N, C-alpha and C. Protein backbone atom coordinates (compact mmCIF):
# COMPACT_ATOMS: atom_id res chain seq x y z
N MET A 1 162.95 124.90 104.80
CA MET A 1 161.59 124.50 105.16
C MET A 1 160.84 125.69 105.76
N LEU A 2 161.50 126.37 106.69
CA LEU A 2 160.85 127.51 107.33
C LEU A 2 160.63 128.63 106.32
N GLY A 3 161.60 128.83 105.43
CA GLY A 3 161.48 129.88 104.42
C GLY A 3 160.31 129.62 103.49
N LEU A 4 160.15 128.35 103.11
CA LEU A 4 159.07 127.98 102.20
C LEU A 4 157.72 128.23 102.87
N LYS A 5 157.65 127.93 104.17
CA LYS A 5 156.41 128.13 104.90
C LYS A 5 156.07 129.62 104.95
N ARG A 6 157.10 130.44 105.09
CA ARG A 6 156.90 131.89 105.17
C ARG A 6 156.37 132.41 103.83
N VAL A 7 156.95 131.91 102.73
CA VAL A 7 156.51 132.33 101.40
C VAL A 7 155.05 131.94 101.18
N HIS A 8 154.70 130.75 101.62
CA HIS A 8 153.32 130.28 101.46
C HIS A 8 152.37 131.16 102.26
N HIS A 9 152.78 131.55 103.46
CA HIS A 9 151.96 132.39 104.32
C HIS A 9 151.76 133.76 103.68
N ILE A 10 152.83 134.30 103.11
CA ILE A 10 152.76 135.61 102.45
C ILE A 10 151.83 135.53 101.24
N ALA A 11 151.89 134.41 100.52
CA ALA A 11 151.05 134.24 99.34
C ALA A 11 149.57 134.24 99.74
N ILE A 12 149.26 133.61 100.85
CA ILE A 12 147.88 133.56 101.32
C ILE A 12 147.40 134.96 101.71
N ILE A 13 148.26 135.70 102.40
CA ILE A 13 147.90 137.06 102.80
C ILE A 13 147.70 137.95 101.57
N ALA A 14 148.59 137.80 100.59
CA ALA A 14 148.49 138.61 99.37
C ALA A 14 147.20 138.30 98.63
N THR A 15 146.82 137.03 98.60
CA THR A 15 145.59 136.63 97.92
C THR A 15 144.38 137.21 98.64
N ASP A 16 144.40 137.13 99.97
CA ASP A 16 143.29 137.64 100.77
C ASP A 16 143.18 139.16 100.61
N TYR A 17 144.34 139.83 100.55
CA TYR A 17 144.35 141.28 100.39
C TYR A 17 143.79 141.68 99.03
N ALA A 18 144.23 140.98 98.00
CA ALA A 18 143.76 141.29 96.65
C ALA A 18 142.26 141.01 96.54
N ARG A 19 141.80 139.98 97.22
CA ARG A 19 140.39 139.62 97.15
C ARG A 19 139.53 140.68 97.84
N SER A 20 139.99 141.18 98.97
CA SER A 20 139.23 142.20 99.70
C SER A 20 139.29 143.54 98.98
N LYS A 21 140.38 143.75 98.24
CA LYS A 21 140.57 145.01 97.52
C LYS A 21 139.68 145.03 96.26
N ALA A 22 139.50 143.87 95.65
CA ALA A 22 138.73 143.79 94.41
C ALA A 22 137.25 144.08 94.66
């Protein structure tokens, strides 16, 4: 459960990073 939450958090950060980079 905790691992899944971490992956979801990383996915959000990656999306935000890609969005700001674009």
